[in-house]
């Protein structure tokens, strides 16, 4: 994908007006990153092909251990996708029909989709215009007796205001499920994203902020 823009060209000695020239820059270019970790990736792919462990296996176990070290969590469990991770987190909390989960509309569809998938109702609240993350005060106003979880999304690698969210969640005895798909490796006041709520869900991908 490329982003086009106009670049002014200097006028000639004849005094003619400058003509705009169209140029382009890659909107997303992962080649430089791949070059820096090329051999590591090729080695991992080779090990997987040679072992024929395409489901679970030693590579997944190694990733789970690395995530535990990175986040300080006691457990990390590999799933098929970030959507599955969110769904399993909600199911583990016994969230289903007639329940509500507060989250942000300013995110990928999987956040709300996972809530709907378990039969619960996504309750959207506004974002903080400075951070684009969910507004804790809006969360507080949206809590009802049916609220069973709060799902903040750490957008663009920037953590949501977890201190305020945790305080609200604790006061109301509501668990926090972090959608940390765009925040792996990020930290909030020295604490790793994904280990700030009761459950944290990651989703590595080519367009995710953790790749930056």
C-alpha atoms as a PDB file:
ATOM      1  CA  UNK A   1       0.000   0.000   0.000  1.00  0.00           C
ATOM      2  CA  UNK A   2       1.337   3.423  -0.902  1.00  0.00           C
ATOM      3  CA  UNK A   3       0.404   6.928   0.134  1.00  0.00           C
ATOM      4  CA  UNK A   4       0.533   9.528  -2.641  1.00  0.00           C
ATOM      5  CA  UNK A   5       1.353  13.191  -2.182  1.00  0.00           C
ATOM      6  CA  UNK A   6       2.351  16.195  -4.249  1.00  0.00           C
ATOM      7  CA  UNK A   7       5.917  17.505  -4.286  1.00  0.00           C
ATOM      8  CA  UNK A   8       6.575  21.003  -5.672  1.00  0.00           C
ATOM      9  CA  UNK A   9       9.233  21.188  -8.394  1.00  0.00           C
ATOM     10  CA  UNK A  10      11.484  24.244  -8.685  1.00  0.00           C
ATOM     11  CA  UNK A  11      10.707  26.600 -11.527  1.00  0.00           C
ATOM     12  CA  UNK A  12      13.070  26.645 -14.484  1.00  0.00           C
ATOM     13  CA  UNK A  13      15.337  29.471 -15.463  1.00  0.00           C
ATOM     14  CA  UNK A  14      12.748  30.568 -18.009  1.00  0.00           C
ATOM     15  CA  UNK A  15      10.522  31.797 -15.216  1.00  0.00           C
ATOM     16  CA  UNK A  16       7.766  29.286 -15.839  1.00  0.00           C
ATOM     17  CA  UNK A  17       5.605  28.316 -12.881  1.00  0.00           C
ATOM     18  CA  UNK A  18       6.643  25.243 -10.961  1.00  0.00           C
ATOM     19  CA  UNK A  19       4.772  22.082 -11.837  1.00  0.00           C
ATOM     20  CA  UNK A  20       3.698  19.684  -9.116  1.00  0.00           C
ATOM     21  CA  UNK A  21       5.160  16.209  -9.304  1.00  0.00           C
ATOM     22  CA  UNK A  22       3.422  13.179  -7.909  1.00  0.00           C
ATOM     23  CA  UNK A  23       5.513  10.986  -5.615  1.00  0.00           C
ATOM     24  CA  UNK A  24       4.760   8.123  -3.294  1.00  0.00           C
ATOM     25  CA  UNK A  25       6.049   6.625  -0.079  1.00  0.00           C
ATOM     26  CA  UNK A  26       5.250   3.144   1.218  1.00  0.00           C
ATOM     27  CA  UNK A  27       2.399   3.374   3.715  1.00  0.00           C
ATOM     28  CA  UNK A  28       3.607   0.156   5.323  1.00  0.00           C
ATOM     29  CA  UNK A  29       7.038  -1.269   4.531  1.00  0.00           C
ATOM     30  CA  UNK A  30       8.214  -4.216   6.617  1.00  0.00           C
ATOM     31  CA  UNK A  31      11.221  -5.087   4.474  1.00  0.00           C
ATOM     32  CA  UNK A  32      13.721  -3.203   6.631  1.00  0.00           C
ATOM     33  CA  UNK A  33      12.487  -4.953   9.741  1.00  0.00           C
ATOM     34  CA  UNK A  34      12.579  -8.340   8.026  1.00  0.00           C
ATOM     35  CA  UNK A  35      16.203  -7.772   7.007  1.00  0.00           C
ATOM     36  CA  UNK A  36      17.134  -7.192  10.648  1.00  0.00           C
ATOM     37  CA  UNK A  37      15.584 -10.478  11.838  1.00  0.00           C
ATOM     38  CA  UNK A  38      15.685 -12.481   8.606  1.00  0.00           C
ATOM     39  CA  UNK A  39      17.790 -15.393   9.809  1.00  0.00           C
ATOM     40  CA  UNK A  40      15.863 -15.714  13.062  1.00  0.00           C
ATOM     41  CA  UNK A  41      12.582 -15.994  11.139  1.00  0.00           C
ATOM     42  CA  UNK A  42      13.959 -18.431   8.586  1.00  0.00           C
ATOM     43  CA  UNK A  43      15.385 -20.620  11.356  1.00  0.00           C
ATOM     44  CA  UNK A  44      12.030 -20.711  13.153  1.00  0.00           C
ATOM     45  CA  UNK A  45      10.164 -21.573   9.943  1.00  0.00           C
ATOM     46  CA  UNK A  46      12.686 -24.300   9.162  1.00  0.00           C
ATOM     47  CA  UNK A  47      12.379 -25.815  12.635  1.00  0.00           C
ATOM     48  CA  UNK A  48       8.593 -25.863  12.294  1.00  0.00           C
ATOM     49  CA  UNK A  49       8.661 -27.473   8.850  1.00  0.00           C
ATOM     50  CA  UNK A  50      11.185 -30.077   9.937  1.00  0.00           C
ATOM     51  CA  UNK A  51       9.293 -30.943  13.124  1.00  0.00           C
ATOM     52  CA  UNK A  52       5.876 -30.870  11.377  1.00  0.00           C
ATOM     53  CA  UNK A  53       4.405 -29.319  14.549  1.00  0.00           C
ATOM     54  CA  UNK A  54       1.962 -26.950  12.856  1.00  0.00           C
ATOM     55  CA  UNK A  55      -0.497 -26.937  15.778  1.00  0.00           C
ATOM     56  CA  UNK A  56       0.913 -26.092  19.202  1.00  0.00           C
ATOM     57  CA  UNK A  57       4.344 -27.690  19.608  1.00  0.00           C
ATOM     58  CA  UNK A  58       7.704 -26.342  20.852  1.00  0.00           C
ATOM     59  CA  UNK A  59       7.575 -23.015  18.985  1.00  0.00           C
ATOM     60  CA  UNK A  60       4.254 -22.107  20.593  1.00  0.00           C
ATOM     61  CA  UNK A  61       5.537 -23.206  24.002  1.00  0.00           C
ATOM     62  CA  UNK A  62       8.629 -21.026  23.529  1.00  0.00           C
ATOM     63  CA  UNK A  63       6.437 -18.042  22.610  1.00  0.00           C
ATOM     64  CA  UNK A  64       4.249 -18.565  25.674  1.00  0.00           C
ATOM     65  CA  UNK A  65       7.322 -18.599  27.938  1.00  0.00           C
ATOM     66  CA  UNK A  66       8.712 -15.460  26.290  1.00  0.00           C
ATOM     67  CA  UNK A  67       5.389 -13.663  26.783  1.00  0.00           C
ATOM     68  CA  UNK A  68       5.403 -14.596  30.469  1.00  0.00           C
ATOM     69  CA  UNK A  69       8.856 -13.079  30.829  1.00  0.00           C
ATOM     70  CA  UNK A  70       7.914  -9.989  28.811  1.00  0.00           C
ATOM     71  CA  UNK A  71       4.694  -9.242  30.697  1.00  0.00           C
ATOM     72  CA  UNK A  72       5.428 -10.738  34.110  1.00  0.00           C
ATOM     73  CA  UNK A  73       2.306 -12.909  33.857  1.00  0.00           C
ATOM     74  CA  UNK A  74       2.274 -16.340  35.440  1.00  0.00           C
ATOM     75  CA  UNK A  75       0.594 -17.950  32.417  1.00  0.00           C
ATOM     76  CA  UNK A  76       0.369 -17.344  28.675  1.00  0.00           C
ATOM     77  CA  UNK A  77      -1.804 -19.498  26.411  1.00  0.00           C
ATOM     78  CA  UNK A  78      -1.537 -19.505  22.640  1.00  0.00           C
ATOM     79  CA  UNK A  79      -4.800 -19.212  20.687  1.00  0.00           C
ATOM     80  CA  UNK A  80      -5.741 -19.329  17.014  1.00  0.00           C
ATOM     81  CA  UNK A  81      -6.296 -15.559  16.858  1.00  0.00           C
ATOM     82  CA  UNK A  82      -6.707 -12.395  18.890  1.00  0.00           C
ATOM     83  CA  UNK A  83     -10.466 -12.713  18.458  1.00  0.00           C
ATOM     84  CA  UNK A  84     -10.369 -16.200  19.973  1.00  0.00           C
ATOM     85  CA  UNK A  85      -8.301 -14.888  22.872  1.00  0.00           C
ATOM     86  CA  UNK A  86     -10.944 -12.258  23.668  1.00  0.00           C
ATOM     87  CA  UNK A  87     -13.785 -14.767  23.301  1.00  0.00           C
ATOM     88  CA  UNK A  88     -12.080 -17.308  25.565  1.00  0.00           C
ATOM     89  CA  UNK A  89     -11.368 -14.604  28.146  1.00  0.00           C
ATOM     90  CA  UNK A  90     -15.044 -13.633  28.255  1.00  0.00           C
ATOM     91  CA  UNK A  91     -16.165 -17.272  28.407  1.00  0.00           C
ATOM     92  CA  UNK A  92     -13.726 -17.903  31.267  1.00  0.00           C
ATOM     93  CA  UNK A  93     -15.494 -15.122  33.161  1.00  0.00           C
ATOM     94  CA  UNK A  94     -18.864 -16.775  32.435  1.00  0.00           C
ATOM     95  CA  UNK A  95     -20.061 -13.774  30.436  1.00  0.00           C
ATOM     96  CA  UNK A  96     -23.017 -14.417  28.153  1.00  0.00           C
ATOM     97  CA  UNK A  97     -26.577 -13.443  27.372  1.00  0.00           C
ATOM     98  CA  UNK A  98     -28.088 -10.467  29.206  1.00  0.00           C
ATOM     99  CA  UNK A  99     -24.595  -9.363  30.291  1.00  0.00           C
ATOM    100  CA  UNK A 100     -22.908  -6.107  29.263  1.00  0.00           C
ATOM    101  CA  UNK A 101     -19.265  -5.380  28.542  1.00  0.00           C
ATOM    102  CA  UNK A 102     -18.067  -1.789  28.343  1.00  0.00           C
ATOM    103  CA  UNK A 103     -15.587  -1.056  25.564  1.00  0.00           C
ATOM    104  CA  UNK A 104     -14.593   1.541  22.982  1.00  0.00           C
ATOM    105  CA  UNK A 105     -15.988   1.894  19.438  1.00  0.00           C
ATOM    106  CA  UNK A 106     -12.639   3.299  18.274  1.00  0.00           C
ATOM    107  CA  UNK A 107     -11.000  -0.056  17.610  1.00  0.00           C
ATOM    108  CA  UNK A 108     -11.074  -3.028  15.266  1.00  0.00           C
ATOM    109  CA  UNK A 109     -14.374  -4.911  15.015  1.00  0.00           C
ATOM    110  CA  UNK A 110     -12.967  -7.912  16.928  1.00  0.00           C
ATOM    111  CA  UNK A 111     -13.273  -6.091  20.260  1.00  0.00           C
ATOM    112  CA  UNK A 112     -17.029  -5.686  20.045  1.00  0.00           C
ATOM    113  CA  UNK A 113     -17.383  -8.819  17.932  1.00  0.00           C
ATOM    114  CA  UNK A 114     -15.988 -11.031  20.677  1.00  0.00           C
ATOM    115  CA  UNK A 115     -18.533  -9.607  23.116  1.00  0.00           C
ATOM    116  CA  UNK A 116     -21.399 -10.230  20.711  1.00  0.00           C
ATOM    117  CA  UNK A 117     -20.059 -13.692  19.904  1.00  0.00           C
ATOM    118  CA  UNK A 118     -20.581 -14.861  23.517  1.00  0.00           C
ATOM    119  CA  UNK A 119     -24.083 -13.401  23.493  1.00  0.00           C
ATOM    120  CA  UNK A 120     -23.341 -10.329  25.591  1.00  0.00           C
ATOM    121  CA  UNK A 121     -24.019  -6.685  24.703  1.00  0.00           C
ATOM    122  CA  UNK A 122     -21.146  -4.336  23.808  1.00  0.00           C
ATOM    123  CA  UNK A 123     -21.686  -1.000  25.549  1.00  0.00           C
ATOM    124  CA  UNK A 124     -19.742   1.694  23.712  1.00  0.00           C
ATOM    125  CA  UNK A 125     -18.406   4.726  25.541  1.00  0.00           C
ATOM    126  CA  UNK A 126     -16.489   7.694  24.214  1.00  0.00           C
ATOM    127  CA  UNK A 127     -12.737   8.108  23.946  1.00  0.00           C
ATOM    128  CA  UNK A 128     -10.340  10.662  25.356  1.00  0.00           C
ATOM    129  CA  UNK A 129      -9.622  13.023  22.412  1.00  0.00           C
ATOM    130  CA  UNK A 130      -6.018  13.419  23.578  1.00  0.00           C
ATOM    131  CA  UNK A 131      -5.125   9.723  23.560  1.00  0.00           C
ATOM    132  CA  UNK A 132      -7.918   8.147  21.470  1.00  0.00           C
ATOM    133  CA  UNK A 133      -8.222   5.529  24.207  1.00  0.00           C
ATOM    134  CA  UNK A 134     -11.359   4.807  26.215  1.00  0.00           C
ATOM    135  CA  UNK A 135     -12.392   7.584  28.648  1.00  0.00           C
ATOM    136  CA  UNK A 136     -12.478   6.285  32.255  1.00  0.00           C
ATOM    137  CA  UNK A 137     -15.146   8.802  33.287  1.00  0.00           C
ATOM    138  CA  UNK A 138     -17.357   7.603  30.447  1.00  0.00           C
ATOM    139  CA  UNK A 139     -16.875   4.054  31.734  1.00  0.00           C
ATOM    140  CA  UNK A 140     -18.074   5.086  35.175  1.00  0.00           C
ATOM    141  CA  UNK A 141     -21.261   6.612  33.760  1.00  0.00           C
ATOM    142  CA  UNK A 142     -22.034   3.498  31.694  1.00  0.00           C
ATOM    143  CA  UNK A 143     -21.893   0.918  34.502  1.00  0.00           C
ATOM    144  CA  UNK A 144     -25.166  -0.862  35.241  1.00  0.00           C
ATOM    145  CA  UNK A 145     -26.096  -3.955  37.280  1.00  0.00           C
ATOM    146  CA  UNK A 146     -25.592  -5.946  34.075  1.00  0.00           C
ATOM    147  CA  UNK A 147     -21.990  -4.831  33.523  1.00  0.00           C
ATOM    148  CA  UNK A 148     -19.789  -7.920  33.806  1.00  0.00           C
ATOM    149  CA  UNK A 149     -16.491  -6.659  32.390  1.00  0.00           C
ATOM    150  CA  UNK A 150     -14.594  -3.634  31.113  1.00  0.00           C
ATOM    151  CA  UNK A 151     -12.562  -4.078  27.928  1.00  0.00           C
ATOM    152  CA  UNK A 152     -10.117  -1.224  27.333  1.00  0.00           C
ATOM    153  CA  UNK A 153      -8.147  -1.230  24.084  1.00  0.00           C
ATOM    154  CA  UNK A 154      -4.533  -0.087  24.146  1.00  0.00           C
ATOM    155  CA  UNK A 155      -4.504   1.715  20.816  1.00  0.00           C
ATOM    156  CA  UNK A 156      -1.427   2.404  18.664  1.00  0.00           C
ATOM    157  CA  UNK A 157       0.854   0.997  21.381  1.00  0.00           C
ATOM    158  CA  UNK A 158      -0.368   3.607  23.883  1.00  0.00           C
ATOM    159  CA  UNK A 159      -1.848   2.228  27.091  1.00  0.00           C
ATOM    160  CA  UNK A 160      -5.297   3.262  28.215  1.00  0.00           C
ATOM    161  CA  UNK A 161      -5.529   5.097  31.554  1.00  0.00           C
ATOM    162  CA  UNK A 162      -5.377   1.897  33.566  1.00  0.00           C
ATOM    163  CA  UNK A 163      -5.005   3.518  36.976  1.00  0.00           C
ATOM    164  CA  UNK A 164      -8.410   5.158  36.707  1.00  0.00           C
ATOM    165  CA  UNK A 165      -9.961   2.149  35.010  1.00  0.00           C
ATOM    166  CA  UNK A 166      -8.646  -0.191  37.708  1.00  0.00           C
ATOM    167  CA  UNK A 167      -9.998   2.062  40.438  1.00  0.00           C
ATOM    168  CA  UNK A 168     -13.448   2.111  38.852  1.00  0.00           C
ATOM    169  CA  UNK A 169     -13.381  -1.641  38.237  1.00  0.00           C
ATOM    170  CA  UNK A 170     -12.314  -2.365  41.815  1.00  0.00           C
ATOM    171  CA  UNK A 171     -15.016  -0.133  43.280  1.00  0.00           C
ATOM    172  CA  UNK A 172     -17.667  -2.014  41.307  1.00  0.00           C
ATOM    173  CA  UNK A 173     -16.041  -5.469  41.495  1.00  0.00           C
ATOM    174  CA  UNK A 174     -15.851  -5.710  37.705  1.00  0.00           C
ATOM    175  CA  UNK A 175     -12.986  -7.568  35.958  1.00  0.00           C
ATOM    176  CA  UNK A 176     -10.857  -5.827  33.333  1.00  0.00           C
ATOM    177  CA  UNK A 177     -10.066  -7.691  30.098  1.00  0.00           C
ATOM    178  CA  UNK A 178      -7.340  -5.902  28.158  1.00  0.00           C
ATOM    179  CA  UNK A 179      -7.475  -5.877  24.378  1.00  0.00           C
ATOM    180  CA  UNK A 180      -3.736  -5.459  23.958  1.00  0.00           C
ATOM    181  CA  UNK A 181      -3.557  -6.475  20.291  1.00  0.00           C
ATOM    182  CA  UNK A 182      -1.772  -3.230  19.456  1.00  0.00           C
ATOM    183  CA  UNK A 183       0.299  -2.971  22.594  1.00  0.00           C
ATOM    184  CA  UNK A 184       2.562  -5.965  23.133  1.00  0.00           C
ATOM    185  CA  UNK A 185       5.828  -4.796  24.653  1.00  0.00           C
ATOM    186  CA  UNK A 186       4.410  -1.430  25.735  1.00  0.00           C
ATOM    187  CA  UNK A 187       4.398  -0.375  29.380  1.00  0.00           C
ATOM    188  CA  UNK A 188       2.263   1.818  31.622  1.00  0.00           C
ATOM    189  CA  UNK A 189       4.095   3.439  34.532  1.00  0.00           C
ATOM    190  CA  UNK A 190       6.616   0.616  34.473  1.00  0.00           C
ATOM    191  CA  UNK A 191       4.014  -2.155  34.250  1.00  0.00           C
ATOM    192  CA  UNK A 192       3.649  -4.309  31.155  1.00  0.00           C
ATOM    193  CA  UNK A 193       0.506  -4.032  29.063  1.00  0.00           C
ATOM    194  CA  UNK A 194      -1.353  -7.320  29.183  1.00  0.00           C
ATOM    195  CA  UNK A 195      -0.655  -7.701  32.897  1.00  0.00           C
ATOM    196  CA  UNK A 196      -2.680  -4.704  34.042  1.00  0.00           C
ATOM    197  CA  UNK A 197      -6.138  -6.277  34.153  1.00  0.00           C
ATOM    198  CA  UNK A 198      -7.366  -9.728  35.081  1.00  0.00           C
ATOM    199  CA  UNK A 199      -6.731 -11.059  31.557  1.00  0.00           C
ATOM    200  CA  UNK A 200      -4.737  -9.576  28.685  1.00  0.00           C
ATOM    201  CA  UNK A 201      -5.139 -10.562  25.023  1.00  0.00           C
ATOM    202  CA  UNK A 202      -2.468 -10.049  22.363  1.00  0.00           C
ATOM    203  CA  UNK A 203      -2.533 -10.475  18.623  1.00  0.00           C
ATOM    204  CA  UNK A 204       0.807 -10.182  16.791  1.00  0.00           C
ATOM    205  CA  UNK A 205       0.411  -9.097  13.202  1.00  0.00           C
ATOM    206  CA  UNK A 206       2.120  -7.295  10.365  1.00  0.00           C
ATOM    207  CA  UNK A 207       0.225  -4.033  10.952  1.00  0.00           C
ATOM    208  CA  UNK A 208       0.231  -4.059  14.755  1.00  0.00           C
ATOM    209  CA  UNK A 209       2.029  -1.424  16.766  1.00  0.00           C
ATOM    210  CA  UNK A 210       4.269  -3.962  18.467  1.00  0.00           C
ATOM    211  CA  UNK A 211       6.048  -4.402  15.166  1.00  0.00           C
ATOM    212  CA  UNK A 212       7.243  -0.815  15.237  1.00  0.00           C
END
